[in-house]
Amino acid sequence: YMVAGFDRYFQIVKCFRDEDLRGDRQPEFTQIDLE
């Protein structure tokens, strides 16, 4: 998106990781993402 010239981006986005889980991990989780 930066290469495309949008200058500033953000998203509240779902992400996915197939990892062993513990108290503060989930296979799908949400992050505030910005660039």
Full PDB file with SEQRES, HELIX, SHEET, SSBOND, CRYST1, ORIGX, SCALE, CONECT and MASTER records, all heavy atoms in Angstrom:
SEQRES   1 A   35  TYR MET VAL ALA GLY PHE ASP ARG TYR PHE GLN ILE VAL          
SEQRES   2 A   35  LYS CYS PHE ARG ASP GLU ASP LEU ARG GLY ASP ARG GLN          
SEQRES   3 A   35  PRO GLU PHE THR GLN ILE ASP LEU GLU                          
SHEET    1 AA1 2 PHE A  10  PHE A  16  0                                        
SHEET    2 AA1 2 GLU A  28  LEU A  34 -1                                        
CRYST1    1.000    1.000    1.000  90.00  90.00  90.00 P 1           1          
ORIGX1      1.000000  0.000000  0.000000        0.00000                         
ORIGX2      0.000000  1.000000  0.000000        0.00000                         
ORIGX3      0.000000  0.000000  1.000000        0.00000                         
SCALE1      1.000000  0.000000  0.000000        0.00000                         
SCALE2      0.000000  1.000000  0.000000        0.00000                         
SCALE3      0.000000  0.000000  1.000000        0.00000                         
ATOM      1  N   TYR A   1       0.833  -1.208   0.000  1.00  0.00           N  
ATOM      2  CA  TYR A   1       0.000   0.000   0.000  1.00  0.00           C  
ATOM      3  C   TYR A   1       0.867   1.257   0.000  1.00  0.00           C  
ATOM      4  O   TYR A   1       0.515   2.278  -0.607  1.00  0.00           O  
ATOM      5  CB  TYR A   1      -0.917   0.017   1.222  1.00  0.00           C  
ATOM      6  CG  TYR A   1      -2.192  -0.775   1.063  1.00  0.00           C  
ATOM      7  CD1 TYR A   1      -2.703  -1.523   2.115  1.00  0.00           C  
ATOM      8  CD2 TYR A   1      -2.905  -0.772  -0.134  1.00  0.00           C  
ATOM      9  CE1 TYR A   1      -3.871  -2.250   1.990  1.00  0.00           C  
ATOM     10  CE2 TYR A   1      -4.077  -1.495  -0.285  1.00  0.00           C  
ATOM     11  CZ  TYR A   1      -4.564  -2.237   0.782  1.00  0.00           C  
ATOM     12  OH  TYR A   1      -5.723  -2.954   0.647  1.00  0.00           O  
ATOM     13  N   MET A   2       2.015   1.195   0.693  1.00  0.00           N  
ATOM     14  CA  MET A   2       2.913   2.349   0.686  1.00  0.00           C  
ATOM     15  C   MET A   2       3.535   2.526  -0.698  1.00  0.00           C  
ATOM     16  O   MET A   2       3.649   3.649  -1.199  1.00  0.00           O  
ATOM     17  CB  MET A   2       4.000   2.164   1.749  1.00  0.00           C  
ATOM     18  CG  MET A   2       3.485   2.048   3.183  1.00  0.00           C  
ATOM     19  SD  MET A   2       2.467   3.433   3.753  1.00  0.00           S  
ATOM     20  CE  MET A   2       0.802   2.755   3.550  1.00  0.00           C  
ATOM     21  N   VAL A   3       3.921   1.405  -1.321  1.00  0.00           N  
ATOM     22  CA  VAL A   3       4.449   1.470  -2.685  1.00  0.00           C  
ATOM     23  C   VAL A   3       3.389   2.033  -3.633  1.00  0.00           C  
ATOM     24  O   VAL A   3       3.696   2.792  -4.563  1.00  0.00           O  
ATOM     25  CB  VAL A   3       4.906   0.074  -3.154  1.00  0.00           C  
ATOM     26  CG1 VAL A   3       5.366   0.112  -4.610  1.00  0.00           C  
ATOM     27  CG2 VAL A   3       6.035  -0.444  -2.260  1.00  0.00           C  
ATOM     28  N   ALA A   4       2.128   1.706  -3.367  1.00  0.00           N  
ATOM     29  CA  ALA A   4       1.030   2.173  -4.228  1.00  0.00           C  
ATOM     30  C   ALA A   4       0.685   3.640  -3.998  1.00  0.00           C  
ATOM     31  O   ALA A   4      -0.116   4.205  -4.741  1.00  0.00           O  
ATOM     32  CB  ALA A   4      -0.213   1.315  -3.980  1.00  0.00           C  
ATOM     33  N   GLY A   5       1.272   4.259  -2.961  1.00  0.00           N  
ATOM     34  CA  GLY A   5       1.073   5.690  -2.767  1.00  0.00           C  
ATOM     35  C   GLY A   5      -0.072   6.087  -1.865  1.00  0.00           C  
ATOM     36  O   GLY A   5      -0.488   7.252  -1.880  1.00  0.00           O  
ATOM     37  N   PHE A   6      -0.593   5.172  -1.041  1.00  0.00           N  
ATOM     38  CA  PHE A   6      -1.703   5.524  -0.142  1.00  0.00           C  
ATOM     39  C   PHE A   6      -1.238   6.318   1.082  1.00  0.00           C  
ATOM     40  O   PHE A   6      -2.065   6.830   1.824  1.00  0.00           O  
ATOM     41  CB  PHE A   6      -2.461   4.270   0.289  1.00  0.00           C  
ATOM     42  CG  PHE A   6      -3.376   3.739  -0.765  1.00  0.00           C  
ATOM     43  CD1 PHE A   6      -3.001   2.670  -1.566  1.00  0.00           C  
ATOM     44  CD2 PHE A   6      -4.613   4.328  -0.976  1.00  0.00           C  
ATOM     45  CE1 PHE A   6      -3.847   2.189  -2.555  1.00  0.00           C  
ATOM     46  CE2 PHE A   6      -5.467   3.859  -1.958  1.00  0.00           C  
ATOM     47  CZ  PHE A   6      -5.093   2.775  -2.751  1.00  0.00           C  
ATOM     48  N   ASP A   7       0.054   6.376   1.308  1.00  0.00           N  
ATOM     49  CA  ASP A   7       0.684   7.238   2.309  1.00  0.00           C  
ATOM     50  C   ASP A   7       0.463   6.792   3.752  1.00  0.00           C  
ATOM     51  O   ASP A   7       1.413   6.616   4.505  1.00  0.00           O  
ATOM     52  CB  ASP A   7       0.235   8.695   2.152  1.00  0.00           C  
ATOM     53  CG  ASP A   7       1.134   9.636   2.924  1.00  0.00           C  
ATOM     54  OD1 ASP A   7       2.306   9.763   2.552  1.00  0.00           O  
ATOM     55  OD2 ASP A   7       0.679  10.235   3.921  1.00  0.00           O  
ATOM     56  N   ARG A   8      -0.789   6.618   4.167  1.00  0.00           N  
ATOM     57  CA  ARG A   8      -1.069   6.184   5.547  1.00  0.00           C  
ATOM     58  C   ARG A   8      -2.226   5.185   5.537  1.00  0.00           C  
ATOM     59  O   ARG A   8      -3.302   5.485   5.009  1.00  0.00           O  
ATOM     60  CB  ARG A   8      -1.407   7.377   6.447  1.00  0.00           C  
ATOM     61  CG  ARG A   8      -0.227   8.298   6.679  1.00  0.00           C  
ATOM     62  CD  ARG A   8      -0.518   9.364   7.723  1.00  0.00           C  
ATOM     63  NE  ARG A   8       0.700  10.070   8.092  1.00  0.00           N  
ATOM     64  CZ  ARG A   8       0.847  10.815   9.174  1.00  0.00           C  
ATOM     65  NH1 ARG A   8      -0.169  10.952  10.015  1.00  0.00           N  
ATOM     66  NH2 ARG A   8       1.988  11.422   9.442  1.00  0.00           N  
ATOM     67  N   TYR A   9      -1.981   4.034   6.132  1.00  0.00           N  
ATOM     68  CA  TYR A   9      -2.962   2.941   6.140  1.00  0.00           C  
ATOM     69  C   TYR A   9      -3.165   2.459   7.568  1.00  0.00           C  
ATOM     70  O   TYR A   9      -2.255   2.473   8.393  1.00  0.00           O  
ATOM     71  CB  TYR A   9      -2.444   1.786   5.273  1.00  0.00           C  
ATOM     72  CG  TYR A   9      -2.687   0.392   5.841  1.00  0.00           C  
ATOM     73  CD1 TYR A   9      -3.800  -0.373   5.454  1.00  0.00           C  
ATOM     74  CD2 TYR A   9      -1.803  -0.163   6.777  1.00  0.00           C  
ATOM     75  CE1 TYR A   9      -4.011  -1.642   5.993  1.00  0.00           C  
ATOM     76  CE2 TYR A   9      -2.014  -1.431   7.299  1.00  0.00           C  
ATOM     77  CZ  TYR A   9      -3.121  -2.167   6.908  1.00  0.00           C  
ATOM     78  OH  TYR A   9      -3.329  -3.420   7.440  1.00  0.00           O  
ATOM     79  N   PHE A  10      -4.403   2.027   7.872  1.00  0.00           N  
ATOM     80  CA  PHE A  10      -4.617   1.281   9.112  1.00  0.00           C  
ATOM     81  C   PHE A  10      -5.749   0.295   8.903  1.00  0.00           C  
ATOM     82  O   PHE A  10      -6.530   0.377   7.965  1.00  0.00           O  
ATOM     83  CB  PHE A  10      -4.912   2.212  10.296  1.00  0.00           C  
ATOM     84  CG  PHE A  10      -6.370   2.590  10.454  1.00  0.00           C  
ATOM     85  CD1 PHE A  10      -7.196   1.887  11.325  1.00  0.00           C  
ATOM     86  CD2 PHE A  10      -6.906   3.659   9.747  1.00  0.00           C  
ATOM     87  CE1 PHE A  10      -8.533   2.235  11.479  1.00  0.00           C  
ATOM     88  CE2 PHE A  10      -8.238   4.014   9.899  1.00  0.00           C  
ATOM     89  CZ  PHE A  10      -9.061   3.303  10.768  1.00  0.00           C  
ATOM     90  N   GLN A  11      -5.829  -0.647   9.840  1.00  0.00           N  
ATOM     91  CA  GLN A  11      -6.852  -1.673   9.771  1.00  0.00           C  
ATOM     92  C   GLN A  11      -6.945  -2.355  11.131  1.00  0.00           C  
ATOM     93  O   GLN A  11      -5.933  -2.567  11.793  1.00  0.00           O  
ATOM     94  CB  GLN A  11      -6.459  -2.701   8.696  1.00  0.00           C  
ATOM     95  CG  GLN A  11      -7.502  -3.745   8.400  1.00  0.00           C  
ATOM     96  CD  GLN A  11      -7.039  -4.759   7.346  1.00  0.00           C  
ATOM     97  OE1 GLN A  11      -7.805  -5.586   6.918  1.00  0.00           O  
ATOM     98  NE2 GLN A  11      -5.779  -4.718   6.949  1.00  0.00           N  
ATOM     99  N   ILE A  12      -8.167  -2.646  11.579  1.00  0.00           N  
ATOM    100  CA  ILE A  12      -8.372  -3.531  12.720  1.00  0.00           C  
ATOM    101  C   ILE A  12      -8.671  -4.882  12.101  1.00  0.00           C  
ATOM    102  O   ILE A  12      -9.748  -5.106  11.556  1.00  0.00           O  
ATOM    103  CB  ILE A  12      -9.517  -3.040  13.625  1.00  0.00           C  
ATOM    104  CG1 ILE A  12      -9.188  -1.651  14.175  1.00  0.00           C  
ATOM    105  CG2 ILE A  12      -9.761  -4.023  14.764  1.00  0.00           C  
ATOM    106  CD1 ILE A  12     -10.294  -1.023  14.996  1.00  0.00           C  
ATOM    107  N   VAL A  13      -7.690  -5.797  12.159  1.00  0.00           N  
ATOM    108  CA  VAL A  13      -7.698  -6.941  11.256  1.00  0.00           C  
ATOM    109  C   VAL A  13      -7.559  -8.261  12.002  1.00  0.00           C  
ATOM    110  O   VAL A  13      -6.876  -8.354  13.014  1.00  0.00           O  
ATOM    111  CB  VAL A  13      -6.552  -6.783  10.217  1.00  0.00           C  
ATOM    112  CG1 VAL A  13      -5.200  -6.699  10.909  1.00  0.00           C  
ATOM    113  CG2 VAL A  13      -6.559  -7.894   9.189  1.00  0.00           C  
ATOM    114  N   LYS A  14      -8.216  -9.286  11.476  1.00  0.00           N  
ATOM    115  CA  LYS A  14      -8.050 -10.647  11.970  1.00  0.00           C  
ATOM    116  C   LYS A  14      -6.782 -11.260  11.362  1.00  0.00           C  
ATOM    117  O   LYS A  14      -6.517 -11.098  10.170  1.00  0.00           O  
ATOM    118  CB  LYS A  14      -9.248 -11.511  11.583  1.00  0.00           C  
ATOM    119  CG  LYS A  14     -10.479 -11.312  12.452  1.00  0.00           C  
ATOM    120  CD  LYS A  14     -10.329 -11.994  13.787  1.00  0.00           C  
ATOM    121  CE  LYS A  14     -11.620 -11.939  14.584  1.00  0.00           C  
ATOM    122  NZ  LYS A  14     -11.434 -12.464  15.952  1.00  0.00           N  
ATOM    123  N   CYS A  15      -6.030 -11.982  12.210  1.00  0.00           N  
ATOM    124  CA  CYS A  15      -4.848 -12.702  11.755  1.00  0.00           C  
ATOM    125  C   CYS A  15      -4.948 -14.148  12.231  1.00  0.00           C  
ATOM    126  O   CYS A  15      -5.703 -14.446  13.170  1.00  0.00           O  
ATOM    127  CB  CYS A  15      -3.577 -12.054  12.307  1.00  0.00           C  
ATOM    128  SG  CYS A  15      -3.384 -10.317  11.856  1.00  0.00           S  
ATOM    129  N   PHE A  16      -4.178 -15.028  11.605  1.00  0.00           N  
ATOM    130  CA  PHE A  16      -4.332 -16.465  11.854  1.00  0.00           C  
ATOM    131  C   PHE A  16      -2.964 -17.133  11.994  1.00  0.00           C  
ATOM    132  O   PHE A  16      -2.087 -16.943  11.143  1.00  0.00           O  
ATOM    133  CB  PHE A  16      -5.102 -17.118  10.705  1.00  0.00           C  
ATOM    134  CG  PHE A  16      -6.397 -16.438  10.377  1.00  0.00           C  
ATOM    135  CD1 PHE A  16      -6.435 -15.367   9.485  1.00  0.00           C  
ATOM    136  CD2 PHE A  16      -7.583 -16.840  10.970  1.00  0.00           C  
ATOM    137  CE1 PHE A  16      -7.629 -14.722   9.189  1.00  0.00           C  
ATOM    138  CE2 PHE A  16      -8.784 -16.207  10.678  1.00  0.00           C  
ATOM    139  CZ  PHE A  16      -8.806 -15.153   9.794  1.00  0.00           C  
ATOM    140  N   ARG A  17      -2.802 -17.925  13.053  1.00  0.00           N  
ATOM    141  CA  ARG A  17      -1.567 -18.683  13.236  1.00  0.00           C  
ATOM    142  C   ARG A  17      -1.905 -20.043  13.817  1.00  0.00           C  
ATOM    143  O   ARG A  17      -2.603 -20.136  14.831  1.00  0.00           O  
ATOM    144  CB  ARG A  17      -0.602 -17.929  14.170  1.00  0.00           C  
ATOM    145  CG  ARG A  17      -0.060 -16.650  13.553  1.00  0.00           C  
ATOM    146  CD  ARG A  17       0.877 -15.916  14.467  1.00  0.00           C  
ATOM    147  NE  ARG A  17       1.263 -14.638  13.875  1.00  0.00           N  
ATOM    148  CZ  ARG A  17       1.982 -13.710  14.489  1.00  0.00           C  
ATOM    149  NH1 ARG A  17       2.420 -13.934  15.722  1.00  0.00           N  
ATOM    150  NH2 ARG A  17       2.282 -12.572  13.888  1.00  0.00           N  
ATOM    151  N   ASP A  18      -1.384 -21.074  13.181  1.00  0.00           N  
ATOM    152  CA  ASP A  18      -1.639 -22.451  13.621  1.00  0.00           C  
ATOM    153  C   ASP A  18      -0.560 -22.859  14.618  1.00  0.00           C  
ATOM    154  O   ASP A  18       0.305 -23.685  14.329  1.00  0.00           O  
ATOM    155  CB  ASP A  18      -1.660 -23.379  12.407  1.00  0.00           C  
ATOM    156  CG  ASP A  18      -2.077 -24.794  12.772  1.00  0.00           C  
ATOM    157  OD1 ASP A  18      -2.537 -25.000  13.909  1.00  0.00           O  
ATOM    158  OD2 ASP A  18      -1.936 -25.692  11.921  1.00  0.00           O  
ATOM    159  N   GLU A  19      -0.594 -22.240  15.803  1.00  0.00           N  
ATOM    160  CA  GLU A  19       0.421 -22.477  16.815  1.00  0.00           C  
ATOM    161  C   GLU A  19      -0.182 -23.178  18.029  1.00  0.00           C  
ATOM    162  O   GLU A  19      -1.399 -23.158  18.232  1.00  0.00           O  
ATOM    163  CB  GLU A  19       1.040 -21.145  17.267  1.00  0.00           C  
ATOM    164  CG  GLU A  19       1.780 -20.405  16.167  1.00  0.00           C  
ATOM    165  CD  GLU A  19       2.389 -19.104  16.672  1.00  0.00           C  
ATOM    166  OE1 GLU A  19       1.761 -18.414  17.481  1.00  0.00           O  
ATOM    167  OE2 GLU A  19       3.506 -18.791  16.233  1.00  0.00           O  
ATOM    168  N   ASP A  20       0.681 -23.761  18.854  1.00  0.00           N  
ATOM    169  CA  ASP A  20       0.219 -24.293  20.128  1.00  0.00           C  
ATOM    170  C   ASP A  20      -0.278 -23.129  20.977  1.00  0.00           C  
ATOM    171  O   ASP A  20       0.348 -22.056  21.009  1.00  0.00           O  
ATOM    172  CB  ASP A  20       1.355 -25.024  20.850  1.00  0.00           C  
ATOM    173  CG  ASP A  20       1.799 -26.279  20.098  1.00  0.00           C  
ATOM    174  OD1 ASP A  20       0.973 -26.827  19.346  1.00  0.00           O  
ATOM    175  OD2 ASP A  20       2.955 -26.693  20.273  1.00  0.00           O  
ATOM    176  N   LEU A  21      -1.389 -23.341  21.664  1.00  0.00           N  
ATOM    177  CA  LEU A  21      -2.057 -22.237  22.347  1.00  0.00           C  
ATOM    178  C   LEU A  21      -1.683 -22.186  23.818  1.00  0.00           C  
ATOM    179  O   LEU A  21      -1.330 -23.165  24.428  1.00  0.00           O  
ATOM    180  CB  LEU A  21      -3.576 -22.369  22.189  1.00  0.00           C  
ATOM    181  CG  LEU A  21      -4.066 -22.507  20.750  1.00  0.00           C  
ATOM    182  CD1 LEU A  21      -5.584 -22.574  20.717  1.00  0.00           C  
ATOM    183  CD2 LEU A  21      -3.574 -21.350  19.896  1.00  0.00           C  
ATOM    184  N   ARG A  22      -1.760 -20.993  24.377  1.00  0.00           N  
ATOM    185  CA  ARG A  22      -1.565 -20.783  25.814  1.00  0.00           C  
ATOM    186  C   ARG A  22      -2.520 -19.682  26.241  1.00  0.00           C  
ATOM    187  O   ARG A  22      -3.392 -19.278  25.471  1.00  0.00           O  
ATOM    188  CB  ARG A  22      -0.104 -20.415  26.111  1.00  0.00           C  
ATOM    189  CG  ARG A  22       0.387 -19.148  25.427  1.00  0.00           C  
ATOM    190  CD  ARG A  22       1.836 -18.870  25.753  1.00  0.00           C  
ATOM    191  NE  ARG A  22       2.230 -17.569  25.236  1.00  0.00           N  
ATOM    192  CZ  ARG A  22       3.361 -17.329  24.597  1.00  0.00           C  
ATOM    193  NH1 ARG A  22       4.198 -18.321  24.365  1.00  0.00           N  
ATOM    194  NH2 ARG A  22       3.673 -16.118  24.190  1.00  0.00           N  
ATOM    195  N   GLY A  23      -2.350 -19.189  27.478  1.00  0.00           N  
ATOM    196  CA  GLY A  23      -3.319 -18.246  28.039  1.00  0.00           C  
ATOM    197  C   GLY A  23      -3.506 -16.984  27.229  1.00  0.00           C  
ATOM    198  O   GLY A  23      -4.598 -16.416  27.200  1.00  0.00           O  
ATOM    199  N   ASP A  24      -2.449 -16.504  26.553  1.00  0.00           N  
ATOM    200  CA  ASP A  24      -2.586 -15.244  25.807  1.00  0.00           C  
ATOM    201  C   ASP A  24      -2.466 -15.454  24.298  1.00  0.00           C  
ATOM    202  O   ASP A  24      -2.095 -14.545  23.572  1.00  0.00           O  
ATOM    203  CB  ASP A  24      -1.550 -14.225  26.284  1.00  0.00           C  
ATOM    204  CG  ASP A  24      -0.111 -14.687  26.053  1.00  0.00           C  
ATOM    205  OD1 ASP A  24       0.078 -15.875  25.724  1.00  0.00           O  
ATOM    206  OD2 ASP A  24       0.804 -13.868  26.188  1.00  0.00           O  
ATOM    207  N   ARG A  25      -2.787 -16.674  23.812  1.00  0.00           N  
ATOM    208  CA  ARG A  25      -2.756 -16.935  22.373  1.00  0.00           C  
ATOM    209  C   ARG A  25      -4.045 -17.584  21.910  1.00  0.00           C  
ATOM    210  O   ARG A  25      -4.643 -18.381  22.630  1.00  0.00           O  
ATOM    211  CB  ARG A  25      -1.580 -17.849  22.012  1.00  0.00           C  
ATOM    212  CG  ARG A  25      -0.249 -17.149  21.918  1.00  0.00           C  
ATOM    213  CD  ARG A  25       0.822 -18.099  21.400  1.00  0.00           C  
ATOM    214  NE  ARG A  25       2.104 -17.439  21.256  1.00  0.00           N  
ATOM    215  CZ  ARG A  25       3.222 -18.066  20.952  1.00  0.00           C  
ATOM    216  NH1 ARG A  25       3.215 -19.373  20.757  1.00  0.00           N  
ATOM    217  NH2 ARG A  25       4.358 -17.403  20.833  1.00  0.00           N  
ATOM    218  N   GLN A  26      -4.445 -17.238  20.699  1.00  0.00           N  
ATOM    219  CA  GLN A  26      -5.584 -17.844  20.038  1.00  0.00           C  
ATOM    220  C   GLN A  26      -5.217 -18.073  18.576  1.00  0.00           C  
ATOM    221  O   GLN A  26      -4.374 -17.355  18.019  1.00  0.00           O  
ATOM    222  CB  GLN A  26      -6.810 -16.934  20.131  1.00  0.00           C  
ATOM    223  CG  GLN A  26      -7.510 -16.956  21.479  1.00  0.00           C  
ATOM    224  CD  GLN A  26      -8.427 -18.155  21.633  1.00  0.00           C  
ATOM    225  OE1 GLN A  26      -9.410 -18.318  20.930  1.00  0.00           O  
ATOM    226  NE2 GLN A  26      -8.083 -19.022  22.583  1.00  0.00           N  
ATOM    227  N   PRO A  27      -5.841 -19.072  17.912  1.00  0.00           N  
ATOM    228  CA  PRO A  27      -5.496 -19.324  16.506  1.00  0.00           C  
ATOM    229  C   PRO A  27      -5.922 -18.182  15.586  1.00  0.00           C  
ATOM    230  O   PRO A  27      -5.319 -17.967  14.541  1.00  0.00           O  
ATOM    231  CB  PRO A  27      -6.254 -20.615  16.182  1.00  0.00           C  
ATOM    232  CG  PRO A  27      -7.342 -20.693  17.201  1.00  0.00           C  
ATOM    233  CD  PRO A  27      -6.798 -20.059  18.432  1.00  0.00           C  
ATOM    234  N   GLU A  28      -6.981 -17.475  15.953  1.00  0.00           N  
ATOM    235  CA  GLU A  28      -7.361 -16.264  15.224  1.00  0.00           C  
ATOM    236  C   GLU A  28      -7.403 -15.129  16.233  1.00  0.00           C  
ATOM    237  O   GLU A  28      -7.948 -15.271  17.320  1.00  0.00           O  
ATOM    238  CB  GLU A  28      -8.704 -16.420  14.506  1.00  0.00           C  
ATOM    239  CG  GLU A  28      -9.837 -16.923  15.368  1.00  0.00           C  
ATOM    240  CD  GLU A  28     -11.119 -17.089  14.571  1.00  0.00           C  
ATOM    241  OE1 GLU A  28     -11.394 -16.243  13.706  1.00  0.00           O  
ATOM    242  OE2 GLU A  28     -11.837 -18.062  14.820  1.00  0.00           O  
ATOM    243  N   PHE A  29      -6.793 -14.018  15.876  1.00  0.00           N  
ATOM    244  CA  PHE A  29      -6.662 -12.919  16.816  1.00  0.00           C  
ATOM    245  C   PHE A  29      -6.763 -11.607  16.048  1.00  0.00           C  
ATOM    246  O   PHE A  29      -6.718 -11.579  14.814  1.00  0.00           O  
ATOM    247  CB  PHE A  29      -5.338 -13.017  17.580  1.00  0.00           C  
ATOM    248  CG  PHE A  29      -4.117 -13.078  16.695  1.00  0.00           C  
ATOM    249  CD1 PHE A  29      -3.397 -11.949  16.383  1.00  0.00           C  
ATOM    250  CD2 PHE A  29      -3.699 -14.293  16.161  1.00  0.00           C  
ATOM    251  CE1 PHE A  29      -2.282 -12.003  15.564  1.00  0.00           C  
ATOM    252  CE2 PHE A  29      -2.582 -14.375  15.350  1.00  0.00           C  
ATOM    253  CZ  PHE A  29      -1.874 -13.220  15.046  1.00  0.00           C  
ATOM    254  N   THR A  30      -6.894 -10.521  16.789  1.00  0.00           N  
ATOM    255  CA  THR A  30      -7.120  -9.214  16.178  1.00  0.00           C  
ATOM    256  C   THR A  30      -5.956  -8.294  16.489  1.00  0.00           C  
ATOM    257  O   THR A  30      -5.461  -8.272  17.613  1.00  0.00           O  
ATOM    258  CB  THR A  30      -8.418  -8.597  16.713  1.00  0.00           C  
ATOM    259  OG1 THR A  30      -9.496  -9.500  16.498  1.00  0.00           O  
ATOM    260  CG2 THR A  30      -8.725  -7.285  16.008  1.00  0.00           C  
ATOM    261  N   GLN A  31      -5.530  -7.544  15.490  1.00  0.00           N  
ATOM    262  CA  GLN A  31      -4.500  -6.543  15.749  1.00  0.00           C  
ATOM    263  C   GLN A  31      -4.863  -5.213  15.095  1.00  0.00           C  
ATOM    264  O   GLN A  31      -5.591  -5.158  14.104  1.00  0.00           O  
ATOM    265  CB  GLN A  31      -3.124  -7.013  15.299  1.00  0.00           C  
ATOM    266  CG  GLN A  31      -2.925  -7.191  13.813  1.00  0.00           C  
ATOM    267  CD  GLN A  31      -1.538  -7.755  13.498  1.00  0.00           C  
ATOM    268  OE1 GLN A  31      -1.000  -8.592  14.220  1.00  0.00           O  
ATOM    269  NE2 GLN A  31      -0.939  -7.289  12.415  1.00  0.00           N  
ATOM    270  N   ILE A  32      -4.365  -4.142  15.734  1.00  0.00           N  
ATOM    271  CA  ILE A  32      -4.470  -2.800  15.150  1.00  0.00           C  
ATOM    272  C   ILE A  32      -3.213  -2.616  14.310  1.00  0.00           C  
ATOM    273  O   ILE A  32      -2.100  -2.613  14.839  1.00  0.00           O  
ATOM    274  CB  ILE A  32      -4.523  -1.725  16.249  1.00  0.00           C  
ATOM    275  CG1 ILE A  32      -5.656  -2.005  17.232  1.00  0.00           C  
ATOM    276  CG2 ILE A  32      -4.674  -0.337  15.635  1.00  0.00           C  
ATOM    277  CD1 ILE A  32      -5.564  -1.193  18.515  1.00  0.00           C  
ATOM    278  N   ASP A  33      -3.387  -2.494  13.017  1.00  0.00           N  
ATOM    279  CA  ASP A  33      -2.261  -2.492  12.091  1.00  0.00           C  
ATOM    280  C   ASP A  33      -2.172  -1.126  11.420  1.00  0.00           C  
ATOM    281  O   ASP A  33      -3.190  -0.576  10.974  1.00  0.00           O  
ATOM    282  CB  ASP A  33      -2.495  -3.588  11.042  1.00  0.00           C  
ATOM    283  CG  ASP A  33      -1.221  -4.003  10.357  1.00  0.00           C  
ATOM    284  OD1 ASP A  33      -0.262  -4.343  11.055  1.00  0.00           O  
ATOM    285  OD2 ASP A  33      -1.189  -4.000   9.109  1.00  0.00           O  
ATOM    286  N   LEU A  34      -0.975  -0.568  11.359  1.00  0.00           N  
ATOM    287  CA  LEU A  34      -0.825   0.726  10.682  1.00  0.00           C  
ATOM    288  C   LEU A  34       0.523   0.808   9.989  1.00  0.00           C  
ATOM    289  O   LEU A  34       1.483   0.147  10.377  1.00  0.00           O  
ATOM    290  CB  LEU A  34      -1.022   1.888  11.659  1.00  0.00           C  
ATOM    291  CG  LEU A  34      -0.039   2.059  12.819  1.00  0.00           C  
ATOM    292  CD1 LEU A  34       1.149   2.929  12.414  1.00  0.00           C  
ATOM    293  CD2 LEU A  34      -0.740   2.693  14.008  1.00  0.00           C  
ATOM    294  N   GLU A  35       0.579   1.633   8.965  1.00  0.00           N  
ATOM    295  CA  GLU A  35       1.805   1.850   8.188  1.00  0.00           C  
ATOM    296  C   GLU A  35       1.764   3.274   7.650  1.00  0.00           C  
ATOM    297  O   GLU A  35       0.691   3.797   7.325  1.00  0.00           O  
ATOM    298  CB  GLU A  35       1.904   0.841   7.038  1.00  0.00           C  
ATOM    299  CG  GLU A  35       3.281   0.710   6.428  1.00  0.00           C  
ATOM    300  CD  GLU A  35       4.207  -0.213   7.212  1.00  0.00           C  
ATOM    301  OE1 GLU A  35       3.752  -0.808   8.220  1.00  0.00           O  
ATOM    302  OE2 GLU A  35       5.390  -0.335   6.835  1.00  0.00           O  
TER     303      GLU A  35                                                      
MASTER        0    0    0    0    2    0    0    6  302    1    0    3          
END                                                                             
